[in-house]
Amino acid sequence: QDGLVVTNFHVVDDARDVRVTMPDGASREGRVL
């Protein structure tokens, strides 16, 4: 619930910042840990 999100390495590649969009349309900024 504190915002940990699992994805593929190839989705983020070498990016540091990503945008996370939920099914309700809400968009959040995210950082690759």
PDB file of all heavy atoms in Angstrom:
ATOM      1  N   GLN A   1       0.804  -1.218   0.000  1.00  0.00           N
ATOM      2  CA  GLN A   1       0.000   0.000   0.000  1.00  0.00           C
ATOM      3  C   GLN A   1       0.840   1.273   0.000  1.00  0.00           C
ATOM      4  O   GLN A   1       0.328   2.344  -0.334  1.00  0.00           O
ATOM      5  CB  GLN A   1      -0.947  -0.020   1.202  1.00  0.00           C
ATOM      6  CG  GLN A   1      -2.041  -1.068   1.080  1.00  0.00           C
ATOM      7  CD  GLN A   1      -2.982  -1.079   2.266  1.00  0.00           C
ATOM      8  OE1 GLN A   1      -2.603  -0.717   3.379  1.00  0.00           O
ATOM      9  NE2 GLN A   1      -4.224  -1.490   2.036  1.00  0.00           N
ATOM     10  N   ASP A   2       2.116   1.171   0.363  1.00  0.00           N
ATOM     11  CA  ASP A   2       2.975   2.359   0.333  1.00  0.00           C
ATOM     12  C   ASP A   2       3.579   2.607  -1.042  1.00  0.00           C
ATOM     13  O   ASP A   2       4.459   3.447  -1.189  1.00  0.00           O
ATOM     14  CB  ASP A   2       4.071   2.264   1.397  1.00  0.00           C
ATOM     15  CG  ASP A   2       5.001   1.073   1.181  1.00  0.00           C
ATOM     16  OD1 ASP A   2       4.727   0.261   0.267  1.00  0.00           O
ATOM     17  OD2 ASP A   2       5.986   0.945   1.931  1.00  0.00           O
ATOM     18  N   GLY A   3       3.106   1.868  -2.067  1.00  0.00           N
ATOM     19  CA  GLY A   3       3.481   2.195  -3.436  1.00  0.00           C
ATOM     20  C   GLY A   3       4.571   1.360  -4.064  1.00  0.00           C
ATOM     21  O   GLY A   3       5.135   1.768  -5.081  1.00  0.00           O
ATOM     22  N   LEU A   4       4.889   0.189  -3.521  1.00  0.00           N
ATOM     23  CA  LEU A   4       5.845  -0.701  -4.170  1.00  0.00           C
ATOM     24  C   LEU A   4       5.176  -1.378  -5.357  1.00  0.00           C
ATOM     25  O   LEU A   4       4.110  -1.981  -5.218  1.00  0.00           O
ATOM     26  CB  LEU A   4       6.369  -1.750  -3.192  1.00  0.00           C
ATOM     27  CG  LEU A   4       7.413  -1.304  -2.173  1.00  0.00           C
ATOM     28  CD1 LEU A   4       7.804  -2.475  -1.280  1.00  0.00           C
ATOM     29  CD2 LEU A   4       8.648  -0.724  -2.860  1.00  0.00           C
ATOM     30  N   VAL A   5       5.806  -1.255  -6.513  1.00  0.00           N
ATOM     31  CA  VAL A   5       5.236  -1.783  -7.753  1.00  0.00           C
ATOM     32  C   VAL A   5       6.266  -2.693  -8.420  1.00  0.00           C
ATOM     33  O   VAL A   5       7.432  -2.315  -8.582  1.00  0.00           O
ATOM     34  CB  VAL A   5       4.852  -0.640  -8.716  1.00  0.00           C
ATOM     35  CG1 VAL A   5       4.273  -1.202 -10.014  1.00  0.00           C
ATOM     36  CG2 VAL A   5       3.864   0.308  -8.055  1.00  0.00           C
ATOM     37  N   VAL A   6       5.834  -3.866  -8.833  1.00  0.00           N
ATOM     38  CA  VAL A   6       6.698  -4.812  -9.541  1.00  0.00           C
ATOM     39  C   VAL A   6       6.415  -4.727 -11.024  1.00  0.00           C
ATOM     40  O   VAL A   6       5.256  -4.687 -11.460  1.00  0.00           O
ATOM     41  CB  VAL A   6       6.456  -6.252  -9.045  1.00  0.00           C
ATOM     42  CG1 VAL A   6       7.282  -7.255  -9.859  1.00  0.00           C
ATOM     43  CG2 VAL A   6       6.803  -6.373  -7.565  1.00  0.00           C
ATOM     44  N   THR A   7       7.476  -4.695 -11.818  1.00  0.00           N
ATOM     45  CA  THR A   7       7.345  -4.717 -13.268  1.00  0.00           C
ATOM     46  C   THR A   7       8.537  -5.468 -13.835  1.00  0.00           C
ATOM     47  O   THR A   7       9.313  -6.083 -13.100  1.00  0.00           O
ATOM     48  CB  THR A   7       7.234  -3.285 -13.839  1.00  0.00           C
ATOM     49  OG1 THR A   7       6.975  -3.364 -15.251  1.00  0.00           O
ATOM     50  CG2 THR A   7       8.503  -2.489 -13.609  1.00  0.00           C
ATOM     51  N   ASN A   8       8.688  -5.438 -15.174  1.00  0.00           N
ATOM     52  CA  ASN A   8       9.841  -6.066 -15.809  1.00  0.00           C
ATOM     53  C   ASN A   8      11.010  -5.098 -15.906  1.00  0.00           C
ATOM     54  O   ASN A   8      10.822  -3.883 -16.057  1.00  0.00           O
ATOM     55  CB  ASN A   8       9.512  -6.538 -17.222  1.00  0.00           C
ATOM     56  CG  ASN A   8       8.731  -7.838 -17.252  1.00  0.00           C
ATOM     57  OD1 ASN A   8       7.784  -7.953 -18.012  1.00  0.00           O
ATOM     58  ND2 ASN A   8       9.120  -8.817 -16.459  1.00  0.00           N
ATOM     59  N   PHE A   9      12.208  -5.634 -15.877  1.00  0.00           N
ATOM     60  CA  PHE A   9      13.407  -4.834 -16.136  1.00  0.00           C
ATOM     61  C   PHE A   9      13.316  -4.162 -17.502  1.00  0.00           C
ATOM     62  O   PHE A   9      13.659  -2.989 -17.656  1.00  0.00           O
ATOM     63  CB  PHE A   9      14.650  -5.728 -16.059  1.00  0.00           C
ATOM     64  CG  PHE A   9      15.864  -5.142 -16.727  1.00  0.00           C
ATOM     65  CD1 PHE A   9      16.541  -4.070 -16.163  1.00  0.00           C
ATOM     66  CD2 PHE A   9      16.330  -5.656 -17.930  1.00  0.00           C
ATOM     67  CE1 PHE A   9      17.645  -3.515 -16.783  1.00  0.00           C
ATOM     68  CE2 PHE A   9      17.438  -5.115 -18.558  1.00  0.00           C
ATOM     69  CZ  PHE A   9      18.104  -4.040 -17.984  1.00  0.00           C
ATOM     70  N   HIS A  10      12.830  -4.907 -18.496  1.00  0.00           N
ATOM     71  CA  HIS A  10      12.776  -4.338 -19.843  1.00  0.00           C
ATOM     72  C   HIS A  10      11.727  -3.243 -19.982  1.00  0.00           C
ATOM     73  O   HIS A  10      11.776  -2.457 -20.922  1.00  0.00           O
ATOM     74  CB  HIS A  10      12.519  -5.446 -20.875  1.00  0.00           C
ATOM     75  CG  HIS A  10      13.755  -6.182 -21.262  1.00  0.00           C
ATOM     76  ND1 HIS A  10      13.925  -7.524 -21.020  1.00  0.00           N
ATOM     77  CD2 HIS A  10      14.892  -5.762 -21.828  1.00  0.00           C
ATOM     78  CE1 HIS A  10      15.118  -7.894 -21.457  1.00  0.00           C
ATOM     79  NE2 HIS A  10      15.719  -6.835 -21.954  1.00  0.00           N
ATOM     80  N   VAL A  11      10.779  -3.201 -19.080  1.00  0.00           N
ATOM     81  CA  VAL A  11       9.802  -2.120 -19.117  1.00  0.00           C
ATOM     82  C   VAL A  11      10.452  -0.803 -18.708  1.00  0.00           C
ATOM     83  O   VAL A  11      10.240   0.236 -19.334  1.00  0.00           O
ATOM     84  CB  VAL A  11       8.599  -2.440 -18.205  1.00  0.00           C
ATOM     85  CG1 VAL A  11       7.687  -1.217 -18.058  1.00  0.00           C
ATOM     86  CG2 VAL A  11       7.797  -3.608 -18.783  1.00  0.00           C
ATOM     87  N   VAL A  12      11.261  -0.842 -17.636  1.00  0.00           N
ATOM     88  CA  VAL A  12      11.895   0.394 -17.153  1.00  0.00           C
ATOM     89  C   VAL A  12      13.261   0.624 -17.778  1.00  0.00           C
ATOM     90  O   VAL A  12      13.738   1.761 -17.852  1.00  0.00           O
ATOM     91  CB  VAL A  12      12.026   0.384 -15.615  1.00  0.00           C
ATOM     92  CG1 VAL A  12      10.664   0.251 -14.967  1.00  0.00           C
ATOM     93  CG2 VAL A  12      12.965  -0.719 -15.126  1.00  0.00           C
ATOM     94  N   ASP A  13      13.928  -0.446 -18.205  1.00  0.00           N
ATOM     95  CA  ASP A  13      15.261  -0.369 -18.794  1.00  0.00           C
ATOM     96  C   ASP A  13      16.195   0.389 -17.846  1.00  0.00           C
ATOM     97  O   ASP A  13      16.304   0.038 -16.681  1.00  0.00           O
ATOM     98  CB  ASP A  13      15.181   0.277 -20.171  1.00  0.00           C
ATOM     99  CG  ASP A  13      16.392  -0.054 -21.038  1.00  0.00           C
ATOM    100  OD1 ASP A  13      17.159  -0.947 -20.670  1.00  0.00           O
ATOM    101  OD2 ASP A  13      16.561   0.589 -22.086  1.00  0.00           O
ATOM    102  N   ASP A  14      16.828   1.454 -18.327  1.00  0.00           N
ATOM    103  CA  ASP A  14      17.745   2.205 -17.453  1.00  0.00           C
ATOM    104  C   ASP A  14      17.119   3.495 -16.921  1.00  0.00           C
ATOM    105  O   ASP A  14      17.813   4.376 -16.401  1.00  0.00           O
ATOM    106  CB  ASP A  14      19.049   2.529 -18.194  1.00  0.00           C
ATOM    107  CG  ASP A  14      18.820   3.374 -19.447  1.00  0.00           C
ATOM    108  OD1 ASP A  14      17.650   3.603 -19.813  1.00  0.00           O
ATOM    109  OD2 ASP A  14      19.822   3.806 -20.062  1.00  0.00           O
ATOM    110  N   ALA A  15      15.798   3.629 -17.047  1.00  0.00           N
ATOM    111  CA  ALA A  15      15.119   4.851 -16.591  1.00  0.00           C
ATOM    112  C   ALA A  15      15.188   4.972 -15.075  1.00  0.00           C
ATOM    113  O   ALA A  15      15.198   3.977 -14.344  1.00  0.00           O
ATOM    114  CB  ALA A  15      13.660   4.829 -17.040  1.00  0.00           C
ATOM    115  N   ARG A  16      15.225   6.204 -14.581  1.00  0.00           N
ATOM    116  CA  ARG A  16      15.171   6.466 -13.143  1.00  0.00           C
ATOM    117  C   ARG A  16      13.766   6.845 -12.708  1.00  0.00           C
ATOM    118  O   ARG A  16      13.351   6.526 -11.590  1.00  0.00           O
ATOM    119  CB  ARG A  16      16.146   7.593 -12.779  1.00  0.00           C
ATOM    120  CG  ARG A  16      17.611   7.240 -12.994  1.00  0.00           C
ATOM    121  CD  ARG A  16      18.511   8.393 -12.606  1.00  0.00           C
ATOM    122  NE  ARG A  16      18.342   8.781 -11.218  1.00  0.00           N
ATOM    123  CZ  ARG A  16      18.919   9.844 -10.665  1.00  0.00           C
ATOM    124  NH1 ARG A  16      19.689  10.627 -11.390  1.00  0.00           N
ATOM    125  NH2 ARG A  16      18.728  10.112  -9.391  1.00  0.00           N
ATOM    126  N   ASP A  17      13.030   7.523 -13.586  1.00  0.00           N
ATOM    127  CA  ASP A  17      11.691   7.999 -13.251  1.00  0.00           C
ATOM    128  C   ASP A  17      10.666   7.406 -14.212  1.00  0.00           C
ATOM    129  O   ASP A  17      10.912   7.300 -15.423  1.00  0.00           O
ATOM    130  CB  ASP A  17      11.632   9.527 -13.322  1.00  0.00           C
ATOM    131  CG  ASP A  17      12.595  10.183 -12.346  1.00  0.00           C
ATOM    132  OD1 ASP A  17      12.555   9.819 -11.164  1.00  0.00           O
ATOM    133  OD2 ASP A  17      13.396  11.038 -12.786  1.00  0.00           O
ATOM    134  N   VAL A  18       9.515   7.051 -13.664  1.00  0.00           N
ATOM    135  CA  VAL A  18       8.444   6.478 -14.476  1.00  0.00           C
ATOM    136  C   VAL A  18       7.116   7.097 -14.063  1.00  0.00           C
ATOM    137  O   VAL A  18       7.007   7.745 -13.022  1.00  0.00           O
ATOM    138  CB  VAL A  18       8.366   4.937 -14.312  1.00  0.00           C
ATOM    139  CG1 VAL A  18       9.621   4.271 -14.817  1.00  0.00           C
ATOM    140  CG2 VAL A  18       8.104   4.561 -12.850  1.00  0.00           C
ATOM    141  N   ARG A  19       6.114   6.886 -14.875  1.00  0.00           N
ATOM    142  CA  ARG A  19       4.754   7.301 -14.541  1.00  0.00           C
ATOM    143  C   ARG A  19       3.916   6.041 -14.352  1.00  0.00           C
ATOM    144  O   ARG A  19       3.942   5.128 -15.173  1.00  0.00           O
ATOM    145  CB  ARG A  19       4.166   8.171 -15.648  1.00  0.00           C
ATOM    146  CG  ARG A  19       2.746   8.655 -15.354  1.00  0.00           C
ATOM    147  CD  ARG A  19       2.276   9.670 -16.381  1.00  0.00           C
ATOM    148  NE  ARG A  19       3.039  10.926 -16.297  1.00  0.00           N
ATOM    149  CZ  ARG A  19       3.959  11.310 -17.174  1.00  0.00           C
ATOM    150  NH1 ARG A  19       4.256  10.534 -18.208  1.00  0.00           N
ATOM    151  NH2 ARG A  19       4.603  12.443 -17.025  1.00  0.00           N
ATOM    152  N   VAL A  20       3.187   6.001 -13.246  1.00  0.00           N
ATOM    153  CA  VAL A  20       2.360   4.849 -12.912  1.00  0.00           C
ATOM    154  C   VAL A  20       0.894   5.263 -13.038  1.00  0.00           C
ATOM    155  O   VAL A  20       0.440   6.185 -12.355  1.00  0.00           O
ATOM    156  CB  VAL A  20       2.652   4.367 -11.475  1.00  0.00           C
ATOM    157  CG1 VAL A  20       1.753   3.188 -11.120  1.00  0.00           C
ATOM    158  CG2 VAL A  20       4.121   3.989 -11.324  1.00  0.00           C
ATOM    159  N   THR A  21       0.161   4.614 -13.924  1.00  0.00           N
ATOM    160  CA  THR A  21      -1.250   4.937 -14.153  1.00  0.00           C
ATOM    161  C   THR A  21      -2.114   3.756 -13.744  1.00  0.00           C
ATOM    162  O   THR A  21      -1.925   2.635 -14.222  1.00  0.00           O
ATOM    163  CB  THR A  21      -1.503   5.286 -15.630  1.00  0.00           C
ATOM    164  OG1 THR A  21      -0.626   6.343 -16.032  1.00  0.00           O
ATOM    165  CG2 THR A  21      -2.941   5.728 -15.833  1.00  0.00           C
ATOM    166  N   MET A  22      -3.071   4.027 -12.872  1.00  0.00           N
ATOM    167  CA  MET A  22      -3.945   2.988 -12.339  1.00  0.00           C
ATOM    168  C   MET A  22      -5.201   2.828 -13.195  1.00  0.00           C
ATOM    169  O   MET A  22      -5.512   3.699 -14.025  1.00  0.00           O
ATOM    170  CB  MET A  22      -4.330   3.323 -10.893  1.00  0.00           C
ATOM    171  CG  MET A  22      -3.139   3.505  -9.962  1.00  0.00           C
ATOM    172  SD  MET A  22      -1.995   2.088  -9.967  1.00  0.00           S
ATOM    173  CE  MET A  22      -3.072   0.786  -9.321  1.00  0.00           C
ATOM    174  N   PRO A  23      -5.952   1.748 -13.020  1.00  0.00           N
ATOM    175  CA  PRO A  23      -7.157   1.526 -13.838  1.00  0.00           C
ATOM    176  C   PRO A  23      -8.204   2.627 -13.723  1.00  0.00           C
ATOM    177  O   PRO A  23      -8.997   2.831 -14.649  1.00  0.00           O
ATOM    178  CB  PRO A  23      -7.704   0.199 -13.293  1.00  0.00           C
ATOM    179  CG  PRO A  23      -6.523  -0.498 -12.727  1.00  0.00           C
ATOM    180  CD  PRO A  23      -5.658   0.586 -12.167  1.00  0.00           C
ATOM    181  N   ASP A  24      -8.222   3.366 -12.603  1.00  0.00           N
ATOM    182  CA  ASP A  24      -9.197   4.447 -12.460  1.00  0.00           C
ATOM    183  C   ASP A  24      -8.737   5.737 -13.136  1.00  0.00           C
ATOM    184  O   ASP A  24      -9.401   6.775 -13.053  1.00  0.00           O
ATOM    185  CB  ASP A  24      -9.506   4.710 -10.984  1.00  0.00           C
ATOM    186  CG  ASP A  24      -8.274   5.155 -10.196  1.00  0.00           C
ATOM    187  OD1 ASP A  24      -7.191   5.316 -10.796  1.00  0.00           O
ATOM    188  OD2 ASP A  24      -8.401   5.336  -8.967  1.00  0.00           O
ATOM    189  N   GLY A  25      -7.577   5.684 -13.808  1.00  0.00           N
ATOM    190  CA  GLY A  25      -7.047   6.848 -14.513  1.00  0.00           C
ATOM    191  C   GLY A  25      -6.097   7.696 -13.701  1.00  0.00           C
ATOM    192  O   GLY A  25      -5.443   8.594 -14.252  1.00  0.00           O
ATOM    193  N   ALA A  26      -5.994   7.447 -12.393  1.00  0.00           N
ATOM    194  CA  ALA A  26      -5.083   8.224 -11.548  1.00  0.00           C
ATOM    195  C   ALA A  26      -3.641   7.941 -11.944  1.00  0.00           C
ATOM    196  O   ALA A  26      -3.249   6.793 -12.133  1.00  0.00           O
ATOM    197  CB  ALA A  26      -5.299   7.867 -10.079  1.00  0.00           C
ATOM    198  N   SER A  27      -2.863   9.027 -12.072  1.00  0.00           N
ATOM    199  CA  SER A  27      -1.472   8.915 -12.496  1.00  0.00           C
ATOM    200  C   SER A  27      -0.544   9.400 -11.389  1.00  0.00           C
ATOM    201  O   SER A  27      -0.790  10.444 -10.781  1.00  0.00           O
ATOM    202  CB  SER A  27      -1.256   9.731 -13.773  1.00  0.00           C
ATOM    203  OG  SER A  27       0.061   9.584 -14.247  1.00  0.00           O
ATOM    204  N   ARG A  28       0.506   8.632 -11.107  1.00  0.00           N
ATOM    205  CA  ARG A  28       1.471   8.989 -10.069  1.00  0.00           C
ATOM    206  C   ARG A  28       2.869   8.956 -10.659  1.00  0.00           C
ATOM    207  O   ARG A  28       3.158   8.212 -11.593  1.00  0.00           O
ATOM    208  CB  ARG A  28       1.419   7.985  -8.897  1.00  0.00           C
ATOM    209  CG  ARG A  28       0.026   7.453  -8.550  1.00  0.00           C
ATOM    210  CD  ARG A  28      -0.714   8.389  -7.639  1.00  0.00           C
ATOM    211  NE  ARG A  28      -2.003   7.823  -7.223  1.00  0.00           N
ATOM    212  CZ  ARG A  28      -2.204   7.137  -6.114  1.00  0.00           C
ATOM    213  NH1 ARG A  28      -1.206   6.904  -5.291  1.00  0.00           N
ATOM    214  NH2 ARG A  28      -3.405   6.700  -5.810  1.00  0.00           N
ATOM    215  N   GLU A  29       3.746   9.768 -10.072  1.00  0.00           N
ATOM    216  CA  GLU A  29       5.161   9.675 -10.420  1.00  0.00           C
ATOM    217  C   GLU A  29       5.783   8.523  -9.638  1.00  0.00           C
ATOM    218  O   GLU A  29       5.366   8.212  -8.516  1.00  0.00           O
ATOM    219  CB  GLU A  29       5.889  10.982 -10.080  1.00  0.00           C
ATOM    220  CG  GLU A  29       5.315  12.215 -10.790  1.00  0.00           C
ATOM    221  CD  GLU A  29       5.387  12.077 -12.292  1.00  0.00           C
ATOM    222  OE1 GLU A  29       6.484  11.774 -12.806  1.00  0.00           O
ATOM    223  OE2 GLU A  29       4.343  12.251 -12.959  1.00  0.00           O
ATOM    224  N   GLY A  30       6.794   7.896 -10.223  1.00  0.00           N
ATOM    225  CA  GLY A  30       7.458   6.786  -9.554  1.00  0.00           C
ATOM    226  C   GLY A  30       8.948   6.796  -9.812  1.00  0.00           C
ATOM    227  O   GLY A  30       9.412   7.360 -10.813  1.00  0.00           O
ATOM    228  N   ARG A  31       9.699   6.200  -8.914  1.00  0.00           N
ATOM    229  CA  ARG A  31      11.159   6.085  -9.044  1.00  0.00           C
ATOM    230  C   ARG A  31      11.541   4.616  -9.044  1.00  0.00           C
ATOM    231  O   ARG A  31      10.997   3.826  -8.257  1.00  0.00           O
ATOM    232  CB  ARG A  31      11.865   6.802  -7.888  1.00  0.00           C
ATOM    233  CG  ARG A  31      11.646   8.314  -7.894  1.00  0.00           C
ATOM    234  CD  ARG A  31      11.970   8.921  -6.559  1.00  0.00           C
ATOM    235  NE  ARG A  31      11.160   8.350  -5.478  1.00  0.00           N
ATOM    236  CZ  ARG A  31       9.872   8.602  -5.287  1.00  0.00           C
ATOM    237  NH1 ARG A  31       9.221   9.405  -6.130  1.00  0.00           N
ATOM    238  NH2 ARG A  31       9.207   8.045  -4.287  1.00  0.00           N
ATOM    239  N   VAL A  32      12.479   4.277  -9.902  1.00  0.00           N
ATOM    240  CA  VAL A  32      12.957   2.894  -9.970  1.00  0.00           C
ATOM    241  C   VAL A  32      13.934   2.658  -8.820  1.00  0.00           C
ATOM    242  O   VAL A  32      14.984   3.293  -8.745  1.00  0.00           O
ATOM    243  CB  VAL A  32      13.629   2.604 -11.324  1.00  0.00           C
ATOM    244  CG1 VAL A  32      14.147   1.164 -11.357  1.00  0.00           C
ATOM    245  CG2 VAL A  32      12.659   2.852 -12.477  1.00  0.00           C
ATOM    246  N   LEU A  33      13.576   1.738  -7.924  1.00  0.00           N
ATOM    247  CA  LEU A  33      14.430   1.445  -6.769  1.00  0.00           C
ATOM    248  C   LEU A  33      15.567   0.504  -7.125  1.00  0.00           C
ATOM    249  O   LEU A  33      16.649   0.566  -6.530  1.00  0.00           O
ATOM    250  CB  LEU A  33      13.594   0.828  -5.646  1.00  0.00           C
ATOM    251  CG  LEU A  33      12.479   1.685  -5.050  1.00  0.00           C
ATOM    252  CD1 LEU A  33      11.784   0.910  -3.929  1.00  0.00           C
ATOM    253  CD2 LEU A  33      13.034   2.998  -4.523  1.00  0.00           C
TER     254      LEU A  33
END
